[in-house]
Every structure is written in structure tokens, then in C-alpha cells.
Amino acid sequence: MMPLDLRRRFYAEEIEATANLRSASVVDALATVPREQFVRSGPWTVRSEADFQGGPRQTPDADPRHVYHNLAVALDPARQLFNGAPSVVAMVIDRLALKPGERVVHVGCGTGYYTAVMAHCVGASGKVTAIEVDAALAAEARANLASIRWVAVHHGDGRTIEGDVDAMLVNAGVTHPLDSWLDALRPGGRLALPLTVAMSSTIGKGLLILLTRASAGDEFEARVLGFVAIYNAIGLRDDAAGRQLGAAMQKRPMVSLTRLRRDAHDASPSCWLHLDGMCLSTT
């Protein structure tokens, strides 16, 4: 049987190939961080992103090798709460282009697996702040990440960010980027988040967006990374913005975004999502 360290390395290289990862540090993190320590004890309920009709299924036993596949692993099946598919989340972390020494915020850290991956990327000279709205999950993440001294875990909804950050990952579906998140980004800072329309009380579907702050001023480049189905953020969604987002996605689901605007302007055909104080534009 393949030793677990070699299985992790094979898993990391498979995710590298399937998700087109460009950062060696993300691949090394996937090959190093023990995922089985962040997904509770097995047997595990798992789900494939490719098998849309198959639904969740259970692993035959608690052998850790089962979590080293491109599968979402359930943290709480009753709530449809999963540790996300590695090819999706690792791809987003990869596009954040994390560098050693950077300060990173992870909103919706769950039990901390992908927080640990990002902590590996920024190294001991960096700092990672993990935020989780579920008190039990936050406590679990704090215990799981205790050995990584440059990670701090907080219980909260992530609405308020202290200090400036180089990168931020929002790991739950929202209707719009909050002003506090945009304001916290340093020049060149990156924010990845899922903009989703709620399909049920727990799950939403939408677009993964990457925002990058310009080196000077209040300009932001915007880019669509792909589609996603993800748990709805608690306390961070706005009903009116959600309705406008739904209309925008229905009208132009395959949109190519170029920038986020915060200046006052009238809505025009180039405004894909035009909200008070924020607009995602195609020009």
C-alpha cells in the first residue's frame, strides 16, 4: 500500500494538473498539510463535483487515503456543510498568488484545512487571520491550527477586518463584496469571493470573482474565475443585492468582467451588476 506521504504528493500533483495550478507553494502545501486532521474522523461522507446526479456517498472505512482525492468531504452532512473540492478551492488560492510574508484573511474557514494551505504558502514570516461564524467550527479550527503560530482564528462573520491585508479568501456565498473588505486591501491586494444567488436556505450558485486593487487609488481589476455552488454566508448577504445579482446572472451568465467601480455613475450597458456604491463592469 502506498505510504500516506506519497499519497499526499500524488494527490497534490493530480490537483495541480486538473486545476492548472501555477504556484509551486500551493502544490507543496497540498502535499504537506494532513487533510485527514481537518475533516473529523471517518468514515467520511464525500461528494464529487463531477458526479452531479450521484449525490453524497460514504467511504468504506476510516483509512485516511480516502480523503486524498478531488472530493468534497462532509463536515456536517445534515447541513450540507462540506470541506470544499480541492480542485476548486486550491485553484482560487492559486490565483490569489500568495507570497511569503504576506498577510491573508480567510472568511469562512470551517475547520481550517484551506487556512493551513494558505499558511503554508505565506510561511512563518506571514500572518493568516481565519474567521468562522459557527462557534463550534471556529473552536475546532483553533484546535486544528494551534501548531501554526502565524495563524489566528476568530469567531465572527468577517464583516470587520482589522488592518491592511495582501489577500483575502471568502469561503461562503455572498451577494456583493463589502466595503470593509475592499478598503482593507493594500495596493496590489487580491480578494477572491463567490457571488451567489441563494437556491435554498443553505446553498447558492454563482460566479467566483477575483478582485485586484490597483497599485494606487481606488481602482480594482475584476476577473471571473468560474462557477460555483457553495454554502450561503451567514450575516453577509443583502436581499436587494441578491435580487439584482440574480437578474444580472439570468441576463448574462457568461459575463467577462474587467473592473469594479466605486465612483458615482449612472447605470449603463457596461454595468453588469450596478449597486449603490459598487458596480461590476465589463469595460
Protein backbone atom coordinates (compact mmCIF):
# COMPACT_ATOMS: atom_id res chain seq x y z
CA MET A 1 0.00 0.00 0.00
CA MET A 2 1.24 3.49 -0.85
CA PRO A 3 2.61 5.39 2.21
CA LEU A 4 0.47 8.38 3.18
CA ASP A 5 3.16 10.97 2.41
CA LEU A 6 3.48 9.64 -1.14
CA ARG A 7 -0.31 9.55 -1.48
CA ARG A 8 -0.46 13.24 -0.46
CA ARG A 9 2.16 14.08 -3.07
CA PHE A 10 0.28 12.19 -5.79
CA TYR A 11 -2.95 13.94 -4.71
CA ALA A 12 -1.22 17.35 -4.89
CA GLU A 13 0.16 16.68 -8.36
CA GLU A 14 -3.24 15.45 -9.56
CA ILE A 15 -4.89 18.67 -8.32
CA GLU A 16 -2.05 20.64 -9.93
CA ALA A 17 -2.87 19.04 -13.28
CA THR A 18 -6.68 19.16 -13.10
CA ALA A 19 -6.91 22.71 -11.69
CA ASN A 20 -3.98 24.14 -13.68
CA LEU A 21 -2.19 25.29 -10.53
CA ARG A 22 0.70 27.66 -11.27
CA SER A 23 2.13 28.15 -7.80
CA ALA A 24 4.62 25.57 -6.53
CA SER A 25 3.84 26.67 -2.97
CA VAL A 26 0.16 25.67 -3.31
CA VAL A 27 1.12 22.26 -4.70
CA ASP A 28 3.64 21.77 -1.89
CA ALA A 29 1.00 22.81 0.67
CA LEU A 30 -1.44 20.20 -0.67
CA ALA A 31 1.33 17.60 -0.44
CA THR A 32 2.22 18.61 3.12
CA VAL A 33 -0.94 19.56 5.06
CA PRO A 34 -2.64 16.42 6.52
CA ARG A 35 -6.22 16.82 5.29
CA GLU A 36 -7.47 13.95 7.45
CA GLN A 37 -6.75 16.04 10.56
CA PHE A 38 -9.18 18.75 9.41
CA VAL A 39 -12.22 16.69 8.34
CA ARG A 40 -13.12 14.96 11.59
CA SER A 41 -12.98 11.20 11.96
CA GLY A 42 -14.02 8.74 9.25
CA PRO A 43 -15.70 7.00 7.61
CA TRP A 44 -16.47 10.16 5.65
CA THR A 45 -19.38 11.30 3.55
CA VAL A 46 -17.89 12.56 0.28
CA ARG A 47 -19.20 14.15 -2.89
CA SER A 48 -17.76 14.53 -6.37
CA GLU A 49 -18.11 17.84 -8.18
CA ALA A 50 -18.27 15.90 -11.47
CA ASP A 51 -21.00 13.42 -10.45
CA PHE A 52 -23.88 15.91 -10.35
CA GLN A 53 -26.62 13.29 -10.08
CA GLY A 54 -24.78 10.85 -7.84
CA GLY A 55 -25.12 12.68 -4.55
CA PRO A 56 -23.05 12.13 -1.41
CA ARG A 57 -21.71 8.66 -0.58
CA GLN A 58 -19.77 7.18 2.31
CA THR A 59 -16.22 5.87 2.25
CA PRO A 60 -15.96 2.16 3.14
CA ASP A 61 -13.79 2.83 6.22
CA ALA A 62 -11.73 5.46 8.03
CA ASP A 63 -8.49 4.95 6.12
CA PRO A 64 -7.04 8.49 5.55
CA ARG A 65 -6.24 7.63 1.93
CA HIS A 66 -9.93 8.22 1.10
CA VAL A 67 -9.66 12.00 1.62
CA TYR A 68 -6.77 12.33 -0.87
CA HIS A 69 -8.95 12.60 -3.94
CA ASN A 70 -10.66 15.52 -5.63
CA LEU A 71 -13.70 15.14 -3.37
CA ALA A 72 -15.61 17.45 -1.06
CA VAL A 73 -15.71 15.89 2.41
CA ALA A 74 -18.73 16.48 4.65
CA LEU A 75 -18.19 18.27 7.94
CA ASP A 76 -21.91 18.20 8.74
CA PRO A 77 -23.98 16.23 6.18
CA ALA A 78 -27.28 17.28 7.79
CA ARG A 79 -26.48 20.93 7.00
CA GLN A 80 -24.89 20.15 3.60
CA LEU A 81 -21.69 21.63 5.01
CA PHE A 82 -18.62 20.30 3.17
CA ASN A 83 -14.88 20.86 3.12
CA GLY A 84 -14.80 22.07 -0.48
CA ALA A 85 -13.47 20.23 -3.53
CA PRO A 86 -9.67 20.69 -3.65
CA SER A 87 -9.58 21.44 -7.37
CA VAL A 88 -11.91 24.42 -6.86
CA VAL A 89 -10.58 25.90 -3.62
CA ALA A 90 -6.93 25.25 -4.44
CA MET A 91 -7.43 26.90 -7.83
CA VAL A 92 -8.78 30.03 -6.12
CA ILE A 93 -5.90 30.07 -3.61
CA ASP A 94 -3.50 29.64 -6.52
CA ARG A 95 -4.99 32.66 -8.31
CA LEU A 96 -4.51 34.75 -5.16
CA ALA A 97 -0.76 34.34 -5.85
CA LEU A 98 0.24 34.29 -2.18
CA LYS A 99 3.82 35.22 -1.36
CA PRO A 100 5.98 34.57 1.70
CA GLY A 101 5.46 37.22 4.37
CA GLU A 102 2.02 38.35 3.21
CA ARG A 103 -0.96 38.97 5.46
CA VAL A 104 -4.01 36.91 4.48
CA VAL A 105 -7.61 36.77 5.76
CA HIS A 106 -9.80 33.68 5.35
CA VAL A 107 -13.50 34.36 5.91
CA GLY A 108 -15.48 31.15 6.44
CA CYS A 109 -12.54 28.96 7.42
CA GLY A 110 -14.63 25.97 8.54
CA THR A 111 -12.34 23.54 10.36
CA GLY A 112 -9.20 25.14 8.91
CA TYR A 113 -7.87 22.90 6.13
CA TYR A 114 -7.59 25.56 3.44
CA THR A 115 -6.41 28.06 6.06
CA ALA A 116 -3.50 25.69 6.70
CA VAL A 117 -2.82 25.52 2.95
CA MET A 118 -2.62 29.33 2.77
CA ALA A 119 -0.48 29.47 5.92
CA HIS A 120 1.98 27.11 4.24
CA CYS A 121 2.13 29.47 1.24
CA VAL A 122 2.90 32.65 3.22
CA GLY A 123 5.23 30.91 5.65
CA ALA A 124 6.26 31.81 9.19
CA SER A 125 7.07 35.38 8.13
CA GLY A 126 3.44 35.88 7.08
CA LYS A 127 0.21 36.13 9.02
CA VAL A 128 -3.14 34.42 8.44
CA THR A 129 -6.36 35.51 10.14
CA ALA A 130 -9.12 32.89 9.95
CA ILE A 131 -12.72 33.85 10.70
CA GLU A 132 -15.65 31.48 11.19
CA VAL A 133 -19.26 32.41 12.06
CA ASP A 134 -20.12 28.98 13.52
CA ALA A 135 -18.77 28.91 17.09
CA ALA A 136 -18.23 25.13 17.15
CA LEU A 137 -16.37 25.16 13.83
CA ALA A 138 -14.27 28.13 14.96
CA ALA A 139 -13.25 26.26 18.11
CA GLU A 140 -12.39 23.19 16.03
CA ALA A 141 -10.33 25.27 13.59
CA ARG A 142 -8.49 26.90 16.50
CA ALA A 143 -7.52 23.47 17.83
CA ASN A 144 -6.58 22.14 14.38
CA LEU A 145 -4.37 25.15 13.60
CA ALA A 146 -2.82 25.59 17.05
CA SER A 147 0.58 24.32 15.91
CA ILE A 148 0.87 27.03 13.22
CA ARG A 149 1.88 30.07 15.27
CA TRP A 150 1.29 32.61 12.48
CA VAL A 151 -2.43 31.71 12.24
CA ALA A 152 -5.07 33.34 14.45
CA VAL A 153 -8.66 32.05 14.46
CA HIS A 154 -11.61 34.30 15.39
CA HIS A 155 -15.30 33.61 15.86
CA GLY A 156 -17.29 36.15 13.81
CA ASP A 157 -18.95 36.85 10.48
CA GLY A 158 -15.94 38.56 8.89
CA ARG A 159 -17.72 41.86 8.35
CA THR A 160 -14.95 43.81 10.10
CA ILE A 161 -11.31 43.42 9.07
CA GLU A 162 -8.56 44.82 11.26
CA GLY A 163 -5.59 46.35 9.48
CA ASP A 164 -4.44 46.09 5.88
CA VAL A 165 -4.22 42.78 4.04
CA ASP A 166 -2.48 41.48 0.95
CA ALA A 167 -5.06 38.83 0.11
CA MET A 168 -8.47 37.61 1.24
CA LEU A 169 -10.48 34.49 0.52
CA VAL A 170 -14.21 34.50 1.25
CA ASN A 171 -15.28 30.87 1.55
CA ALA A 172 -19.08 31.31 1.53
CA GLY A 173 -21.55 32.73 -0.96
CA VAL A 174 -22.20 36.48 -0.76
CA THR A 175 -24.24 38.92 -2.83
CA HIS A 176 -21.54 41.61 -3.10
CA PRO A 177 -18.08 42.50 -1.79
CA LEU A 178 -18.30 44.51 1.43
CA ASP A 179 -16.75 47.98 1.58
CA SER A 180 -14.71 46.88 4.59
CA TRP A 181 -13.08 44.12 2.52
CA LEU A 182 -12.24 46.43 -0.36
CA ASP A 183 -10.92 49.11 1.99
CA ALA A 184 -8.66 46.60 3.75
CA LEU A 185 -6.81 45.62 0.57
CA ARG A 186 -3.34 47.10 0.22
CA PRO A 187 -2.21 48.35 -3.21
CA GLY A 188 -1.92 45.19 -5.29
CA GLY A 189 -4.12 43.31 -2.80
CA ARG A 190 -6.38 40.49 -4.01
CA LEU A 191 -9.86 39.42 -2.94
CA ALA A 192 -11.48 36.16 -4.10
CA LEU A 193 -15.15 35.60 -3.36
CA PRO A 194 -18.21 33.72 -4.65
CA LEU A 195 -21.11 35.95 -5.75
CA THR A 196 -24.11 33.67 -5.47
CA VAL A 197 -27.87 33.57 -5.77
CA ALA A 198 -29.47 31.55 -2.96
CA MET A 199 -31.06 28.38 -4.33
CA SER A 200 -32.18 27.24 -0.86
CA SER A 201 -31.73 28.36 2.73
CA THR A 202 -28.26 26.83 2.76
CA ILE A 203 -26.83 26.62 -0.78
CA GLY A 204 -26.30 29.21 -3.50
CA LYS A 205 -24.87 29.17 -7.03
CA GLY A 206 -22.96 31.81 -8.91
CA LEU A 207 -19.59 33.13 -10.03
CA LEU A 208 -16.16 33.02 -8.44
CA ILE A 209 -14.70 36.51 -8.74
CA LEU A 210 -11.13 37.75 -8.28
CA LEU A 211 -10.67 41.46 -7.50
CA THR A 212 -7.22 43.08 -7.54
CA ARG A 213 -6.60 46.57 -6.21
CA ALA A 214 -4.51 48.86 -8.39
CA SER A 215 -1.09 49.97 -7.18
CA ALA A 216 -2.53 53.41 -6.46
CA GLY A 217 -6.00 54.83 -5.92
CA ASP A 218 -9.34 53.08 -5.58
CA GLU A 219 -9.37 51.13 -8.84
CA PHE A 220 -9.99 47.36 -8.92
CA GLU A 221 -9.46 44.88 -11.71
CA ALA A 222 -12.19 42.20 -11.82
CA ARG A 223 -11.97 38.71 -13.25
CA VAL A 224 -14.32 35.72 -13.36
CA LEU A 225 -12.59 32.51 -12.24
CA GLY A 226 -15.51 30.13 -12.78
CA PHE A 227 -18.83 28.87 -11.49
CA VAL A 228 -19.50 27.54 -8.00
CA ALA A 229 -22.13 26.04 -5.72
CA ILE A 230 -21.38 26.89 -2.11
CA TYR A 231 -22.84 27.36 1.37
CA ASN A 232 -24.58 30.73 1.83
CA ALA A 233 -22.70 33.19 4.05
CA ILE A 234 -24.47 33.99 7.32
CA GLY A 235 -24.99 37.67 8.08
CA LEU A 236 -23.21 38.95 4.96
CA ARG A 237 -25.91 38.76 2.29
CA ASP A 238 -28.25 41.54 1.19
CA ASP A 239 -31.68 40.63 -0.20
CA ALA A 240 -31.92 43.59 -2.61
CA ALA A 241 -28.40 42.99 -3.93
CA GLY A 242 -29.23 39.30 -4.26
CA ARG A 243 -32.23 40.07 -6.46
CA GLN A 244 -30.12 42.33 -8.69
CA LEU A 245 -27.40 39.70 -8.86
CA GLY A 246 -29.97 37.09 -9.88
CA ALA A 247 -31.26 39.33 -12.66
CA ALA A 248 -27.70 40.02 -13.87
CA MET A 249 -26.82 36.34 -13.94
CA GLN A 250 -30.03 35.45 -15.75
CA LYS A 251 -29.37 38.11 -18.38
CA ARG A 252 -25.63 37.47 -18.85
CA PRO A 253 -24.42 34.33 -17.05
CA MET A 254 -21.23 34.03 -19.13
CA VAL A 255 -20.10 37.57 -18.44
CA SER A 256 -16.49 38.72 -18.84
CA LEU A 257 -15.81 41.29 -16.14
CA THR A 258 -12.92 43.75 -16.25
CA ARG A 259 -13.22 46.06 -13.25
CA LEU A 260 -15.05 47.04 -10.10
CA ARG A 261 -16.08 50.69 -9.86
CA ARG A 262 -16.84 52.60 -6.66
CA ASP A 263 -17.28 56.05 -8.23
CA ALA A 264 -20.73 57.59 -8.59
CA HIS A 265 -22.12 56.99 -12.10
CA ASP A 266 -25.35 56.19 -13.88
CA ALA A 267 -26.03 52.61 -14.90
CA SER A 268 -25.04 51.83 -18.49
CA PRO A 269 -24.96 48.71 -20.71
CA SER A 270 -21.42 48.01 -19.44
CA CYS A 271 -22.65 47.76 -15.84
CA TRP A 272 -23.24 44.06 -15.23
CA LEU A 273 -24.12 44.48 -11.55
CA HIS A 274 -24.87 48.08 -10.56
CA LEU A 275 -25.43 48.57 -6.82
CA ASP A 276 -25.31 51.58 -4.52
CA GLY A 277 -21.61 52.38 -4.14
CA MET A 278 -20.33 49.49 -6.25
CA CYS A 279 -20.52 48.33 -9.83
CA LEU A 280 -19.02 45.35 -11.64
CA SER A 281 -18.32 46.45 -15.17
CA THR A 282 -17.48 44.81 -18.49
CA THR A 283 -15.43 47.78 -19.79
